[in-house]
Amino acid sequence: MLFCACEGEWSPSSAAANFTPHIITVNAGEDVTKRIISFSQQGSLAICVLCANGVVSSVTLRQPDSSGGTLTYEGRFEILSLSGTFMPSDSDGTRSRTGGMSVSLASPDGRVVGGGVAGLLVAATPIQVVVGTFLGGTNQQEQTPKPHNHNFMSSPLMPTSSNVADHRTIRPMTSSLPISTWTPSFPSDSRHKHSHDFNITLT
């Protein structure tokens, strides 16, 4: 039985009607990345890696900093998540694949490592990878609603209450009370001031 947790969302332009799920079985000793790329080259469809289940013995990950280096881990690591995309591209008549994968792994002592796959991802046990194929680069054109022609019957205008002139004279109200200017003043009280400074010490 295959257990996997896949997260993500589809955009309306991904042609969800042409989405087809597949299960790729990677034998022990094979490179998972190479096996997925080999499967994607069977046609001109885009590949979306959803999840995987199994144990790997070696993985090379890309470091998250700007140095561009890689780290290689060897041992037995259980796959927690595996995701990525491989899109078909055509440059000067040469067809190729662009994309990559990211993986999260758990070691026997409970440590979790992960990052972008930058090299081999060797299977230690048979691994099942769930992928989906769809038409890449086919955007669904938004259909512009056609304007509806509304036919209205002309009718003579009837006078309304707003069209009838009101000849009544409105006189402004006057007051015999003197007009004075009042400026409110409030005493400053430091007790009502709130401080938004927070000091947090991390140990």
N, C-alpha and C. Protein backbone atom coordinates (compact mmCIF):
# COMPACT_ATOMS: atom_id res chain seq x y z
N MET A 1 0.85 -1.18 0.00
CA MET A 1 0.00 0.00 0.00
C MET A 1 0.89 1.23 0.00
N LEU A 2 0.50 2.22 -0.77
CA LEU A 2 1.31 3.43 -0.94
C LEU A 2 0.72 4.56 -0.13
N PHE A 3 1.51 5.10 0.78
CA PHE A 3 1.09 6.24 1.59
C PHE A 3 1.93 7.44 1.18
N CYS A 4 1.29 8.54 0.87
CA CYS A 4 2.03 9.74 0.51
C CYS A 4 1.15 10.94 0.74
N ALA A 5 1.78 12.04 1.08
CA ALA A 5 1.09 13.31 1.30
C ALA A 5 1.60 14.29 0.28
N CYS A 6 0.72 14.76 -0.57
CA CYS A 6 1.11 15.65 -1.66
C CYS A 6 0.39 16.97 -1.48
N GLU A 7 1.14 18.04 -1.59
CA GLU A 7 0.57 19.36 -1.46
C GLU A 7 0.79 20.13 -2.75
N GLY A 8 -0.08 21.08 -3.02
CA GLY A 8 0.07 21.91 -4.21
C GLY A 8 -1.29 22.28 -4.74
N GLU A 9 -1.29 23.11 -5.74
CA GLU A 9 -2.53 23.55 -6.35
C GLU A 9 -2.31 23.67 -7.84
N TRP A 10 -3.38 23.51 -8.60
CA TRP A 10 -3.31 23.57 -10.05
C TRP A 10 -3.81 24.91 -10.52
N SER A 11 -3.14 25.44 -11.51
CA SER A 11 -3.61 26.68 -12.11
C SER A 11 -4.62 26.35 -13.18
N PRO A 12 -5.54 27.28 -13.50
CA PRO A 12 -6.55 26.98 -14.52
C PRO A 12 -5.96 26.70 -15.89
N SER A 13 -4.69 27.11 -16.14
CA SER A 13 -4.11 26.93 -17.45
C SER A 13 -3.35 25.61 -17.60
N SER A 14 -3.42 24.71 -16.63
CA SER A 14 -2.66 23.47 -16.69
C SER A 14 -3.40 22.34 -17.38
N ALA A 15 -4.53 22.64 -17.99
CA ALA A 15 -5.28 21.63 -18.74
C ALA A 15 -5.54 20.41 -17.89
N ALA A 16 -6.29 20.61 -16.81
CA ALA A 16 -6.53 19.53 -15.85
C ALA A 16 -7.28 18.36 -16.48
N ALA A 17 -8.02 18.62 -17.56
CA ALA A 17 -8.76 17.53 -18.19
C ALA A 17 -7.82 16.50 -18.80
N ASN A 18 -6.58 16.89 -19.16
CA ASN A 18 -5.62 15.98 -19.76
C ASN A 18 -4.65 15.42 -18.74
N PHE A 19 -4.89 15.60 -17.47
CA PHE A 19 -3.99 15.12 -16.42
C PHE A 19 -4.19 13.63 -16.22
N THR A 20 -3.08 12.88 -16.25
CA THR A 20 -3.13 11.43 -16.09
C THR A 20 -2.11 11.00 -15.04
N PRO A 21 -2.53 10.30 -13.99
CA PRO A 21 -1.58 9.84 -12.97
C PRO A 21 -0.88 8.55 -13.41
N HIS A 22 0.36 8.38 -12.95
CA HIS A 22 1.15 7.18 -13.23
C HIS A 22 1.92 6.81 -11.96
N ILE A 23 2.28 5.53 -11.85
CA ILE A 23 3.13 5.04 -10.77
C ILE A 23 4.38 4.44 -11.40
N ILE A 24 5.54 5.00 -11.04
CA ILE A 24 6.83 4.53 -11.55
C ILE A 24 7.51 3.72 -10.45
N THR A 25 7.92 2.51 -10.77
CA THR A 25 8.63 1.67 -9.82
C THR A 25 10.13 1.74 -10.09
N VAL A 26 10.88 2.17 -9.09
CA VAL A 26 12.33 2.28 -9.19
C VAL A 26 12.94 1.13 -8.39
N ASN A 27 13.73 0.30 -9.05
CA ASN A 27 14.34 -0.84 -8.38
C ASN A 27 15.52 -0.40 -7.50
N ALA A 28 15.87 -1.25 -6.56
CA ALA A 28 17.00 -0.96 -5.67
C ALA A 28 18.28 -0.83 -6.47
N GLY A 29 19.05 0.21 -6.18
CA GLY A 29 20.30 0.48 -6.89
C GLY A 29 20.15 1.43 -8.04
N GLU A 30 18.93 1.73 -8.48
CA GLU A 30 18.71 2.66 -9.58
C GLU A 30 18.64 4.10 -9.07
N ASP A 31 18.92 5.02 -9.99
CA ASP A 31 18.82 6.44 -9.68
C ASP A 31 17.38 6.88 -9.92
N VAL A 32 16.75 7.42 -8.88
CA VAL A 32 15.34 7.82 -8.98
C VAL A 32 15.18 8.94 -10.00
N THR A 33 16.07 9.93 -9.97
CA THR A 33 15.96 11.06 -10.89
C THR A 33 16.09 10.59 -12.34
N LYS A 34 17.07 9.74 -12.60
CA LYS A 34 17.27 9.24 -13.96
C LYS A 34 16.07 8.43 -14.44
N ARG A 35 15.47 7.68 -13.54
CA ARG A 35 14.31 6.87 -13.91
C ARG A 35 13.12 7.76 -14.26
N ILE A 36 12.92 8.84 -13.53
CA ILE A 36 11.80 9.74 -13.82
C ILE A 36 12.04 10.48 -15.13
N ILE A 37 13.27 10.95 -15.36
CA ILE A 37 13.57 11.64 -16.61
C ILE A 37 13.41 10.70 -17.80
N SER A 38 13.82 9.44 -17.65
CA SER A 38 13.64 8.47 -18.72
C SER A 38 12.17 8.25 -19.04
N PHE A 39 11.33 8.25 -18.01
CA PHE A 39 9.90 8.10 -18.24
C PHE A 39 9.33 9.33 -18.95
N SER A 40 9.82 10.51 -18.59
CA SER A 40 9.28 11.74 -19.19
C SER A 40 9.66 11.89 -20.65
N GLN A 41 10.73 11.23 -21.09
CA GLN A 41 11.16 11.35 -22.48
C GLN A 41 10.38 10.45 -23.42
N GLN A 42 9.42 9.71 -22.92
CA GLN A 42 8.62 8.84 -23.78
C GLN A 42 7.62 9.62 -24.61
N GLY A 43 7.37 10.86 -24.27
CA GLY A 43 6.44 11.68 -25.03
C GLY A 43 6.75 13.14 -24.82
N SER A 44 5.87 13.99 -25.32
CA SER A 44 6.06 15.44 -25.21
C SER A 44 5.24 16.03 -24.08
N LEU A 45 4.85 15.21 -23.12
CA LEU A 45 4.03 15.69 -22.02
C LEU A 45 4.91 16.19 -20.89
N ALA A 46 4.37 17.09 -20.09
CA ALA A 46 5.05 17.57 -18.90
C ALA A 46 4.83 16.59 -17.76
N ILE A 47 5.80 16.51 -16.87
CA ILE A 47 5.77 15.58 -15.74
C ILE A 47 5.71 16.37 -14.45
N CYS A 48 4.79 15.99 -13.58
CA CYS A 48 4.67 16.58 -12.25
C CYS A 48 4.85 15.46 -11.23
N VAL A 49 5.92 15.54 -10.45
CA VAL A 49 6.19 14.53 -9.42
C VAL A 49 5.39 14.89 -8.18
N LEU A 50 4.53 13.98 -7.74
CA LEU A 50 3.63 14.25 -6.63
C LEU A 50 4.18 13.75 -5.30
N CYS A 51 4.59 12.50 -5.22
CA CYS A 51 5.09 11.95 -3.97
C CYS A 51 5.78 10.62 -4.26
N ALA A 52 6.40 10.06 -3.22
CA ALA A 52 7.12 8.79 -3.37
C ALA A 52 7.16 8.09 -2.04
N ASN A 53 7.42 6.78 -2.10
CA ASN A 53 7.47 5.95 -0.90
C ASN A 53 8.61 4.96 -1.05
N GLY A 54 9.52 4.97 -0.06
CA GLY A 54 10.64 4.04 -0.11
C GLY A 54 11.84 4.57 0.65
N VAL A 55 12.97 3.89 0.50
CA VAL A 55 14.20 4.23 1.21
C VAL A 55 15.31 4.42 0.19
N VAL A 56 16.12 5.45 0.39
CA VAL A 56 17.26 5.71 -0.49
C VAL A 56 18.55 5.49 0.31
N SER A 57 19.63 5.19 -0.43
CA SER A 57 20.92 4.93 0.21
C SER A 57 21.91 6.07 0.01
N SER A 58 21.68 6.91 -0.97
CA SER A 58 22.59 8.02 -1.24
C SER A 58 21.82 9.14 -1.92
N VAL A 59 22.13 10.38 -1.54
CA VAL A 59 21.47 11.53 -2.12
C VAL A 59 22.44 12.70 -2.12
N THR A 60 22.42 13.47 -3.18
CA THR A 60 23.23 14.68 -3.29
C THR A 60 22.28 15.87 -3.36
N LEU A 61 22.42 16.78 -2.40
CA LEU A 61 21.52 17.92 -2.28
C LEU A 61 22.27 19.21 -2.54
N ARG A 62 21.56 20.17 -3.05
CA ARG A 62 22.11 21.50 -3.30
C ARG A 62 22.03 22.33 -2.03
N GLN A 63 23.11 23.00 -1.68
CA GLN A 63 23.12 23.82 -0.49
C GLN A 63 22.24 25.04 -0.69
N PRO A 64 21.52 25.46 0.37
CA PRO A 64 20.59 26.58 0.20
C PRO A 64 21.26 27.93 0.09
N ASP A 65 22.54 28.04 0.46
CA ASP A 65 23.20 29.34 0.39
C ASP A 65 23.62 29.64 -1.04
N SER A 66 24.25 30.79 -1.22
CA SER A 66 24.62 31.26 -2.56
C SER A 66 25.94 30.68 -3.05
N SER A 67 26.57 29.79 -2.29
CA SER A 67 27.85 29.24 -2.71
C SER A 67 27.72 28.27 -3.88
N GLY A 68 26.54 27.67 -4.01
CA GLY A 68 26.31 26.74 -5.11
C GLY A 68 26.92 25.38 -4.90
N GLY A 69 27.35 25.05 -3.68
CA GLY A 69 27.93 23.74 -3.42
C GLY A 69 26.88 22.68 -3.20
N THR A 70 27.33 21.46 -3.06
CA THR A 70 26.43 20.32 -2.84
C THR A 70 26.90 19.52 -1.64
N LEU A 71 25.96 18.77 -1.07
CA LEU A 71 26.24 17.88 0.05
C LEU A 71 25.73 16.49 -0.31
N THR A 72 26.52 15.48 -0.02
CA THR A 72 26.15 14.09 -0.30
C THR A 72 25.96 13.34 1.02
N TYR A 73 24.80 12.71 1.15
CA TYR A 73 24.49 11.92 2.35
C TYR A 73 24.41 10.45 1.94
N GLU A 74 25.02 9.60 2.74
CA GLU A 74 24.98 8.16 2.49
C GLU A 74 24.50 7.45 3.74
N GLY A 75 23.73 6.42 3.54
CA GLY A 75 23.13 5.67 4.64
C GLY A 75 21.77 5.14 4.21
N ARG A 76 20.85 5.10 5.14
CA ARG A 76 19.48 4.70 4.83
C ARG A 76 18.55 5.84 5.26
N PHE A 77 17.87 6.40 4.29
CA PHE A 77 17.00 7.54 4.53
C PHE A 77 15.62 7.24 3.94
N GLU A 78 14.62 7.39 4.77
CA GLU A 78 13.24 7.18 4.32
C GLU A 78 12.73 8.45 3.66
N ILE A 79 12.05 8.30 2.54
CA ILE A 79 11.52 9.45 1.81
C ILE A 79 10.28 9.97 2.54
N LEU A 80 10.33 11.22 2.95
CA LEU A 80 9.16 11.87 3.53
C LEU A 80 8.33 12.57 2.46
N SER A 81 8.98 13.23 1.54
CA SER A 81 8.28 13.90 0.44
C SER A 81 9.21 14.01 -0.75
N LEU A 82 8.63 13.96 -1.92
CA LEU A 82 9.37 14.12 -3.16
C LEU A 82 8.45 14.84 -4.14
N SER A 83 8.90 15.96 -4.66
CA SER A 83 8.07 16.74 -5.58
C SER A 83 8.97 17.42 -6.59
N GLY A 84 8.38 17.80 -7.71
CA GLY A 84 9.13 18.49 -8.75
C GLY A 84 8.38 18.47 -10.06
N THR A 85 8.96 19.10 -11.06
CA THR A 85 8.37 19.16 -12.39
C THR A 85 9.47 19.03 -13.44
N PHE A 86 9.10 18.48 -14.57
CA PHE A 86 9.97 18.40 -15.73
C PHE A 86 9.13 18.82 -16.94
N MET A 87 9.46 20.00 -17.47
CA MET A 87 8.70 20.57 -18.57
C MET A 87 9.46 20.40 -19.88
N PRO A 88 8.77 20.06 -20.97
CA PRO A 88 9.46 19.97 -22.27
C PRO A 88 9.79 21.36 -22.79
N SER A 89 10.96 21.49 -23.39
CA SER A 89 11.39 22.77 -23.96
C SER A 89 11.98 22.52 -25.34
N ASP A 90 11.88 23.53 -26.19
CA ASP A 90 12.39 23.43 -27.56
C ASP A 90 13.24 24.67 -27.83
N SER A 91 14.55 24.49 -27.93
CA SER A 91 15.46 25.59 -28.17
C SER A 91 16.24 25.32 -29.46
N ASP A 92 16.00 26.16 -30.48
CA ASP A 92 16.68 26.03 -31.78
C ASP A 92 16.49 24.64 -32.38
N GLY A 93 15.29 24.11 -32.25
CA GLY A 93 14.99 22.80 -32.82
C GLY A 93 15.44 21.63 -31.99
N THR A 94 16.05 21.88 -30.83
CA THR A 94 16.51 20.80 -29.96
C THR A 94 15.57 20.66 -28.78
N ARG A 95 14.99 19.49 -28.65
CA ARG A 95 14.05 19.24 -27.56
C ARG A 95 14.80 18.74 -26.33
N SER A 96 14.40 19.26 -25.18
CA SER A 96 15.03 18.85 -23.93
C SER A 96 14.02 18.99 -22.81
N ARG A 97 14.49 18.74 -21.59
CA ARG A 97 13.64 18.83 -20.41
C ARG A 97 14.25 19.82 -19.43
N THR A 98 13.42 20.65 -18.86
CA THR A 98 13.86 21.59 -17.84
C THR A 98 13.05 21.34 -16.56
N GLY A 99 13.69 21.56 -15.43
CA GLY A 99 13.00 21.36 -14.17
C GLY A 99 13.91 20.71 -13.15
N GLY A 100 13.33 20.19 -12.11
CA GLY A 100 14.09 19.55 -11.05
C GLY A 100 13.17 19.04 -9.96
N MET A 101 13.79 18.50 -8.91
CA MET A 101 13.02 17.93 -7.81
C MET A 101 13.60 18.38 -6.48
N SER A 102 12.77 18.34 -5.47
CA SER A 102 13.18 18.57 -4.08
C SER A 102 12.70 17.40 -3.24
N VAL A 103 13.49 17.05 -2.21
CA VAL A 103 13.20 15.86 -1.42
C VAL A 103 13.43 16.16 0.04
N SER A 104 12.66 15.49 0.89
CA SER A 104 12.85 15.51 2.33
C SER A 104 13.03 14.08 2.80
N LEU A 105 14.09 13.84 3.59
CA LEU A 105 14.45 12.50 4.02
C LEU A 105 14.60 12.45 5.53
N ALA A 106 14.32 11.27 6.10
CA ALA A 106 14.47 11.05 7.54
C ALA A 106 15.49 9.93 7.76
N SER A 107 16.47 10.20 8.62
CA SER A 107 17.49 9.21 8.94
C SER A 107 17.00 8.30 10.06
N PRO A 108 17.65 7.16 10.32
CA PRO A 108 17.19 6.26 11.39
C PRO A 108 17.19 6.89 12.77
N ASP A 109 18.04 7.89 13.01
CA ASP A 109 18.07 8.52 14.33
C ASP A 109 17.10 9.69 14.45
N GLY A 110 16.25 9.89 13.44
CA GLY A 110 15.22 10.91 13.52
C GLY A 110 15.58 12.24 12.90
N ARG A 111 16.77 12.40 12.39
CA ARG A 111 17.14 13.65 11.75
C ARG A 111 16.45 13.76 10.39
N VAL A 112 16.15 14.99 10.02
CA VAL A 112 15.50 15.26 8.74
C VAL A 112 16.41 16.15 7.91
N VAL A 113 16.69 15.72 6.70
CA VAL A 113 17.48 16.50 5.76
C VAL A 113 16.66 16.66 4.49
N GLY A 114 16.96 17.70 3.76
CA GLY A 114 16.22 17.92 2.53
C GLY A 114 16.79 19.08 1.75
N GLY A 115 16.27 19.23 0.54
CA GLY A 115 16.70 20.31 -0.34
C GLY A 115 16.48 19.91 -1.78
N GLY A 116 17.05 20.71 -2.67
CA GLY A 116 16.95 20.41 -4.08
C GLY A 116 17.90 19.30 -4.48
N VAL A 117 17.42 18.35 -5.26
CA VAL A 117 18.24 17.23 -5.70
C VAL A 117 19.22 17.74 -6.75
N ALA A 118 20.52 17.59 -6.46
CA ALA A 118 21.56 18.09 -7.36
C ALA A 118 22.45 16.98 -7.90
N GLY A 119 22.04 15.75 -7.76
CA GLY A 119 22.85 14.64 -8.25
C GLY A 119 22.08 13.34 -8.12
N LEU A 120 22.79 12.30 -7.69
CA LEU A 120 22.17 10.99 -7.58
C LEU A 120 21.18 10.93 -6.43
N LEU A 121 20.13 10.15 -6.64
CA LEU A 121 19.16 9.80 -5.61
C LEU A 121 18.95 8.29 -5.74
N VAL A 122 19.83 7.53 -5.10
CA VAL A 122 19.91 6.08 -5.31
C VAL A 122 18.93 5.38 -4.38
N ALA A 123 18.15 4.48 -4.96
CA ALA A 123 17.15 3.73 -4.19
C ALA A 123 17.82 2.58 -3.44
N ALA A 124 17.51 2.46 -2.15
CA ALA A 124 17.99 1.33 -1.35
C ALA A 124 17.00 0.19 -1.36
N THR A 125 15.73 0.49 -1.54
CA THR A 125 14.66 -0.49 -1.65
C THR A 125 13.81 -0.10 -2.86
N PRO A 126 12.95 -0.98 -3.34
CA PRO A 126 12.05 -0.57 -4.42
C PRO A 126 11.22 0.65 -3.99
N ILE A 127 11.20 1.65 -4.84
CA ILE A 127 10.53 2.92 -4.55
C ILE A 127 9.40 3.11 -5.56
N GLN A 128 8.27 3.50 -5.06
CA GLN A 128 7.13 3.85 -5.90
C GLN A 128 6.99 5.36 -5.95
N VAL A 129 7.01 5.89 -7.15
CA VAL A 129 6.91 7.33 -7.37
C VAL A 129 5.60 7.61 -8.11
N VAL A 130 4.80 8.51 -7.57
CA VAL A 130 3.54 8.91 -8.20
C VAL A 130 3.79 10.19 -8.98
N VAL A 131 3.54 10.14 -10.28
CA VAL A 131 3.71 11.31 -11.14
C VAL A 131 2.42 11.54 -11.91
N GLY A 132 2.30 12.71 -12.47
CA GLY A 132 1.17 13.05 -13.33
C GLY A 132 1.68 13.67 -14.61
N THR A 133 1.08 13.30 -15.72
CA THR A 133 1.45 13.88 -17.01
C THR A 133 0.31 14.77 -17.49
N PHE A 134 0.69 15.87 -18.12
CA PHE A 134 -0.30 16.79 -18.67
C PHE A 134 0.35 17.55 -19.81
N LEU A 135 -0.47 18.23 -20.58
CA LEU A 135 0.02 19.00 -21.71
C LEU A 135 0.65 20.28 -21.17
N GLY A 136 1.93 20.43 -21.34
CA GLY A 136 2.60 21.63 -20.86
C GLY A 136 2.58 22.73 -21.90
N GLY A 137 2.39 23.96 -21.42
CA GLY A 137 2.42 25.13 -22.29
C GLY A 137 1.17 25.35 -23.09
N THR A 138 0.06 24.67 -22.78
CA THR A 138 -1.20 24.88 -23.47
C THR A 138 -2.11 25.64 -22.55
N ASN A 139 -2.19 26.91 -22.77
CA ASN A 139 -3.02 27.77 -21.94
C ASN A 139 -4.42 27.82 -22.49
N GLN A 140 -5.33 27.69 -21.62
CA GLN A 140 -6.72 27.79 -22.01
C GLN A 140 -7.08 29.25 -22.16
N GLN A 141 -7.54 29.61 -23.34
CA GLN A 141 -7.92 30.98 -23.59
C GLN A 141 -9.22 31.29 -22.88
N GLU A 142 -9.19 32.44 -22.25
CA GLU A 142 -10.39 32.85 -21.55
C GLU A 142 -11.43 33.30 -22.57
N GLN A 143 -12.60 32.76 -22.41
CA GLN A 143 -13.68 33.10 -23.31
C GLN A 143 -14.33 34.39 -22.87
N THR A 144 -14.32 35.34 -23.82
CA THR A 144 -14.93 36.63 -23.54
C THR A 144 -16.41 36.53 -23.80
N PRO A 145 -17.24 36.85 -22.84
CA PRO A 145 -18.67 36.75 -23.06
C PRO A 145 -19.13 37.70 -24.15
N LYS A 146 -19.98 37.16 -25.02
CA LYS A 146 -20.49 37.97 -26.11
C LYS A 146 -21.51 38.97 -25.58
N PRO A 147 -21.46 40.18 -26.15
CA PRO A 147 -22.43 41.17 -25.68
C PRO A 147 -23.84 40.79 -26.10
N HIS A 148 -24.76 40.99 -25.22
CA HIS A 148 -26.16 40.68 -25.49
C HIS A 148 -26.85 41.94 -26.01
N ASN A 149 -27.64 41.74 -27.04
CA ASN A 149 -28.41 42.84 -27.61
C ASN A 149 -29.76 42.91 -26.91
N HIS A 150 -30.00 43.99 -26.26
CA HIS A 150 -31.25 44.19 -25.56
C HIS A 150 -32.11 45.17 -26.36
N ASN A 151 -33.30 44.76 -26.67
CA ASN A 151 -34.24 45.61 -27.40
C ASN A 151 -35.20 46.25 -26.42
N PHE A 152 -35.21 47.55 -26.41
CA PHE A 152 -36.09 48.29 -25.52
C PHE A 152 -37.12 49.02 -26.36
N MET A 153 -38.35 49.01 -25.90
CA MET A 153 -39.42 49.72 -26.57
C MET A 153 -39.46 51.15 -26.06
N SER A 154 -39.52 52.07 -27.00
CA SER A 154 -39.56 53.49 -26.63
C SER A 154 -40.94 53.84 -26.13
N SER A 155 -40.98 54.65 -25.12
CA SER A 155 -42.24 55.09 -24.54
C SER A 155 -42.12 56.56 -24.20
N PRO A 156 -43.21 57.31 -24.26
CA PRO A 156 -43.16 58.75 -23.94
C PRO A 156 -42.75 58.95 -22.49
N LEU A 157 -41.94 59.98 -22.29
CA LEU A 157 -41.48 60.30 -20.96
C LEU A 157 -42.60 60.91 -20.15
N MET A 158 -42.72 60.45 -18.94
CA MET A 158 -43.73 60.96 -18.03
C MET A 158 -43.03 61.80 -16.98
N PRO A 159 -43.61 62.90 -16.61
CA PRO A 159 -42.99 63.74 -15.58
C PRO A 159 -43.01 63.04 -14.24
N THR A 160 -41.92 63.15 -13.55
CA THR A 160 -41.81 62.59 -12.21
C THR A 160 -41.67 63.71 -11.22
N SER A 161 -41.63 63.29 -9.95
CA SER A 161 -41.56 64.29 -8.90
C SER A 161 -40.25 65.05 -8.94
N SER A 162 -39.18 64.40 -9.48
CA SER A 162 -37.89 65.08 -9.54
C SER A 162 -37.83 66.08 -10.68
N ASN A 163 -38.75 65.93 -11.70
CA ASN A 163 -38.74 66.84 -12.83
C ASN A 163 -39.62 68.06 -12.60
N VAL A 164 -40.42 68.02 -11.56
CA VAL A 164 -41.32 69.13 -11.30
C VAL A 164 -40.59 70.15 -10.47
N ALA A 165 -40.56 71.38 -10.93
CA ALA A 165 -39.84 72.44 -10.22
C ALA A 165 -40.56 72.79 -8.93
N ASP A 166 -39.79 72.97 -7.92
CA ASP A 166 -40.32 73.34 -6.61
C ASP A 166 -40.05 74.82 -6.41
N HIS A 167 -41.13 75.62 -6.37
CA HIS A 167 -41.01 77.07 -6.29
C HIS A 167 -41.05 77.57 -4.87
N ARG A 168 -41.01 76.65 -3.88
CA ARG A 168 -41.03 77.12 -2.52
C ARG A 168 -39.67 77.69 -2.14
N THR A 169 -39.70 78.74 -1.36
CA THR A 169 -38.47 79.40 -0.92
C THR A 169 -38.11 78.92 0.47
N ILE A 170 -36.88 78.45 0.60
CA ILE A 170 -36.40 77.97 1.89
C ILE A 170 -35.51 79.03 2.48
N ARG A 171 -35.93 79.54 3.64
CA ARG A 171 -35.17 80.58 4.30
C ARG A 171 -34.21 79.96 5.29
N PRO A 172 -33.00 80.47 5.35
CA PRO A 172 -32.04 79.92 6.33
C PRO A 172 -32.44 80.26 7.74
N MET A 173 -32.21 79.35 8.67
CA MET A 173 -32.53 79.56 10.07
C MET A 173 -31.46 80.42 10.71
N THR A 174 -31.92 81.35 11.50
CA THR A 174 -31.00 82.26 12.19
C THR A 174 -31.11 82.02 13.67
N SER A 175 -30.04 82.34 14.36
CA SER A 175 -30.01 82.16 15.80
C SER A 175 -29.44 83.41 16.43
N SER A 176 -30.00 83.79 17.58
CA SER A 176 -29.52 84.96 18.31
C SER A 176 -28.38 84.64 19.26
N LEU A 177 -28.00 83.36 19.35
CA LEU A 177 -26.91 82.98 20.25
C LEU A 177 -25.58 83.35 19.62
N PRO A 178 -24.64 83.86 20.44
CA PRO A 178 -23.33 84.22 19.88
C PRO A 178 -22.55 82.97 19.50
N ILE A 179 -21.77 83.15 18.46
CA ILE A 179 -20.95 82.04 17.96
C ILE A 179 -19.57 82.15 18.57
N SER A 180 -19.11 81.09 19.21
CA SER A 180 -17.79 81.08 19.84
C SER A 180 -17.02 79.86 19.37
N THR A 181 -15.75 80.00 19.47
CA THR A 181 -14.86 78.90 19.07
C THR A 181 -14.35 78.19 20.29
N TRP A 182 -14.52 76.87 20.31
CA TRP A 182 -14.11 76.07 21.46
C TRP A 182 -13.10 75.05 21.01
N THR A 183 -11.95 75.09 21.62
CA THR A 183 -10.88 74.14 21.28
C THR A 183 -10.68 73.18 22.44
N PRO A 184 -10.96 71.92 22.24
CA PRO A 184 -10.80 70.96 23.35
C PRO A 184 -9.34 70.74 23.66
N SER A 185 -9.07 70.57 24.92
CA SER A 185 -7.70 70.27 25.35
C SER A 185 -7.76 69.13 26.35
N PHE A 186 -6.83 68.21 26.21
CA PHE A 186 -6.79 67.05 27.08
C PHE A 186 -5.44 67.01 27.78
N PRO A 187 -5.43 66.80 29.05
CA PRO A 187 -4.14 66.71 29.76
C PRO A 187 -3.41 65.45 29.35
N SER A 188 -2.15 65.65 29.19
CA SER A 188 -1.31 64.49 28.82
C SER A 188 -1.08 63.62 30.04
N ASP A 189 -1.30 62.37 29.85
CA ASP A 189 -1.14 61.41 30.94
C ASP A 189 -0.27 60.28 30.44
N SER A 190 0.85 60.15 31.06
CA SER A 190 1.78 59.10 30.63
C SER A 190 1.26 57.71 30.92
N ARG A 191 0.20 57.63 31.77
CA ARG A 191 -0.31 56.30 32.09
C ARG A 191 -1.03 55.67 30.92
N HIS A 192 -1.50 56.51 29.95
CA HIS A 192 -2.26 55.97 28.82
C HIS A 192 -1.37 55.69 27.63
N LYS A 193 -0.10 55.93 27.75
CA LYS A 193 0.78 55.65 26.63
C LYS A 193 1.15 54.17 26.64
N HIS A 194 1.13 53.61 25.45
CA HIS A 194 1.45 52.19 25.31
C HIS A 194 2.78 52.05 24.59
N SER A 195 3.57 51.21 25.06
CA SER A 195 4.87 50.96 24.43
C SER A 195 4.78 49.71 23.57
N HIS A 196 5.32 49.80 22.35
CA HIS A 196 5.28 48.68 21.41
C HIS A 196 6.66 48.06 21.24
N ASP A 197 7.57 48.29 22.14
CA ASP A 197 8.90 47.70 22.06
C ASP A 197 8.92 46.39 22.83
N PHE A 198 9.45 45.36 22.17
CA PHE A 198 9.55 44.05 22.79
C PHE A 198 11.00 43.60 22.76
N ASN A 199 11.45 43.14 23.87
CA ASN A 199 12.80 42.59 23.97
C ASN A 199 12.69 41.08 24.15
N ILE A 200 13.19 40.34 23.16
CA ILE A 200 13.12 38.88 23.19
C ILE A 200 14.54 38.34 23.16
N THR A 201 14.82 37.52 24.12
CA THR A 201 16.15 36.90 24.19
C THR A 201 16.03 35.44 23.79
N LEU A 202 16.76 35.08 22.75
CA LEU A 202 16.76 33.70 22.26
C LEU A 202 17.96 32.97 22.84
N THR A 203 17.73 31.86 23.44
CA THR A 203 18.81 31.05 24.02
C THR A 203 18.97 29.77 23.23
